[in-house]
Amino acid sequence: MATTNDMLLKMMEQLRADFSEEREASRQSRSKLHERVDGISEDIGAIRGDIRILGEVDGQVRGEIKALKKTVTDNQTSVQPTVDAWRDLLKSGRRISWAFSIAGITTLGGFVAAVTGLFDWVVGALKAKGWL
């Protein structure tokens, strides 16, 4: 028959085994938790790096856009006199075109009048001779 001491000893051994199992489970749980935290901190570090790079790229793009705007403005300023002269030339060309059109219409009218007059003269001359 088991004595009280043996029973107590068995209970203590059982408690000790249970406690060891709990400690091992707790250790594994903490290990997993540390792995997760390490993964999260690596992700945060990568995100911070990406944000820093994006900020630098954004600043660089803004600088290039500003430089391009300045170049466009400078080019517009330097080309504006040429554009104005070209517009004046186009206006003058239109005016000359109108003048030639009016002169052409007048010339055509004169030519038609001359041909009509010549026809009338020839018909009149032929009638006077009696040939018509």
Protein backbone atom coordinates (compact mmCIF):
# COMPACT_ATOMS: atom_id res chain seq x y z
CA MET A 1 0.00 0.00 0.00
CA ALA A 2 1.20 3.35 -0.92
CA THR A 3 2.13 5.61 1.79
CA THR A 4 1.18 9.19 2.04
CA ASN A 5 4.69 10.20 1.18
CA ASP A 6 4.62 8.16 -2.01
CA MET A 7 1.32 9.74 -2.99
CA LEU A 8 2.60 13.18 -2.25
CA LEU A 9 5.75 12.45 -4.20
CA LYS A 10 3.71 11.29 -7.20
CA MET A 11 1.52 14.38 -7.01
CA MET A 12 4.62 16.56 -6.85
CA GLU A 13 6.09 14.79 -9.86
CA GLN A 14 2.82 15.26 -11.74
CA LEU A 15 2.73 18.94 -10.81
CA ARG A 16 6.35 19.27 -11.87
CA ALA A 17 5.63 17.62 -15.26
CA ASP A 18 2.58 19.82 -15.75
CA PHE A 19 4.61 22.88 -14.83
CA SER A 20 7.40 21.87 -17.27
CA GLU A 21 4.87 21.37 -20.06
CA GLU A 22 3.34 24.78 -19.34
CA ARG A 23 6.77 26.39 -19.35
CA GLU A 24 7.64 24.74 -22.68
CA ALA A 25 4.30 25.83 -24.19
CA SER A 26 4.84 29.35 -22.85
CA ARG A 27 8.39 29.42 -24.27
CA GLN A 28 7.13 28.34 -27.70
CA SER A 29 4.35 30.92 -27.56
CA ARG A 30 6.82 33.68 -26.69
CA SER A 31 9.11 32.48 -29.47
CA LYS A 32 6.28 32.73 -32.02
CA LEU A 33 5.32 36.14 -30.63
CA HIS A 34 8.92 37.36 -30.99
CA GLU A 35 9.02 36.07 -34.57
CA ARG A 36 5.85 38.01 -35.37
CA VAL A 37 7.17 41.18 -33.74
CA ASP A 38 10.46 40.83 -35.62
CA GLY A 39 8.53 40.39 -38.89
CA ILE A 40 6.41 43.45 -38.16
CA SER A 41 9.46 45.56 -37.29
CA GLU A 42 11.15 44.45 -40.56
CA ASP A 43 7.99 45.39 -42.48
CA ILE A 44 7.88 48.78 -40.76
CA GLY A 45 11.55 49.35 -41.61
CA ALA A 46 10.89 48.48 -45.26
CA ILE A 47 7.85 50.77 -45.33
CA ARG A 48 9.87 53.61 -43.83
CA GLY A 49 12.54 53.09 -46.48
CA ASP A 50 9.93 53.07 -49.24
CA ILE A 51 8.35 56.24 -47.88
CA ARG A 52 11.74 57.94 -47.72
CA ILE A 53 12.53 56.91 -51.30
CA LEU A 54 9.11 58.05 -52.49
CA GLY A 55 9.63 61.40 -50.78
CA GLU A 56 12.97 61.84 -52.51
CA VAL A 57 11.50 60.88 -55.88
CA ASP A 58 8.57 63.24 -55.35
CA GLY A 59 10.95 66.08 -54.53
CA GLN A 60 13.06 65.29 -57.57
CA VAL A 61 10.01 65.22 -59.87
CA ARG A 62 8.78 68.52 -58.46
CA GLY A 63 12.18 70.07 -59.09
CA GLU A 64 12.21 68.83 -62.68
CA ILE A 65 8.67 70.11 -63.28
CA LYS A 66 9.67 73.50 -61.92
CA ALA A 67 12.72 73.57 -64.21
CA LEU A 68 10.57 72.58 -67.21
CA LYS A 69 8.04 75.32 -66.43
CA LYS A 70 10.86 77.85 -66.28
CA THR A 71 12.27 76.60 -69.61
CA VAL A 72 8.86 76.80 -71.28
CA THR A 73 8.28 80.30 -69.95
CA ASP A 74 11.73 81.44 -71.10
CA ASN A 75 11.20 79.91 -74.54
CA GLN A 76 7.78 81.53 -74.88
CA THR A 77 9.27 84.88 -73.95
CA SER A 78 12.13 84.57 -76.43
CA VAL A 79 9.91 83.32 -79.28
CA GLN A 80 7.06 85.80 -78.78
CA PRO A 81 8.50 88.53 -81.07
CA THR A 82 8.84 85.98 -83.89
CA VAL A 83 5.27 84.78 -83.36
CA ASP A 84 4.02 88.38 -83.43
CA ALA A 85 5.96 89.09 -86.64
CA TRP A 86 4.52 85.93 -88.21
CA ARG A 87 1.00 86.99 -87.29
CA ASP A 88 1.60 90.42 -88.83
CA LEU A 89 2.92 88.73 -91.98
CA LEU A 90 -0.20 86.58 -92.18
CA LYS A 91 -2.40 89.66 -91.80
CA SER A 92 -0.45 91.41 -94.56
CA GLY A 93 -0.77 88.32 -96.75
CA ARG A 94 -4.51 88.31 -96.28
CA ARG A 95 -4.69 91.99 -97.18
CA ILE A 96 -2.60 91.42 -100.31
CA SER A 97 -4.76 88.44 -101.21
CA TRP A 98 -7.88 90.63 -100.96
CA ALA A 99 -6.24 93.29 -103.11
CA PHE A 100 -5.33 90.74 -105.78
CA SER A 101 -8.83 89.29 -105.65
CA ILE A 102 -10.40 92.69 -106.21
CA ALA A 103 -7.90 93.47 -108.96
CA GLY A 104 -8.59 90.10 -110.56
CA ILE A 105 -12.33 90.67 -110.52
CA THR A 106 -11.81 94.13 -112.00
CA THR A 107 -9.48 92.75 -114.68
CA LEU A 108 -11.90 89.96 -115.51
CA GLY A 109 -14.72 92.48 -115.79
CA GLY A 110 -12.62 94.63 -118.12
CA PHE A 111 -11.72 91.63 -120.26
CA VAL A 112 -15.39 90.58 -120.54
CA ALA A 113 -16.33 94.14 -121.47
CA ALA A 114 -13.60 94.27 -124.13
CA VAL A 115 -14.66 90.93 -125.64
CA THR A 116 -18.30 92.00 -125.64
CA GLY A 117 -17.36 95.33 -127.26
CA LEU A 118 -15.25 93.58 -129.89
CA PHE A 119 -18.12 91.19 -130.65
CA ASP A 120 -20.55 94.09 -131.00
CA TRP A 121 -18.12 95.96 -133.30
CA VAL A 122 -17.59 92.89 -135.51
CA VAL A 123 -21.35 92.29 -135.76
CA GLY A 124 -21.93 95.98 -136.51
CA ALA A 125 -19.20 95.98 -139.19
CA LEU A 126 -20.62 92.87 -140.81
CA LYS A 127 -24.12 94.39 -140.84
CA ALA A 128 -22.78 97.60 -142.33
CA LYS A 129 -21.20 95.69 -145.21
CA GLY A 130 -24.42 93.78 -145.61
CA TRP A 131 -22.92 90.44 -144.95
CA LEU A 132 -25.35 89.78 -142.12
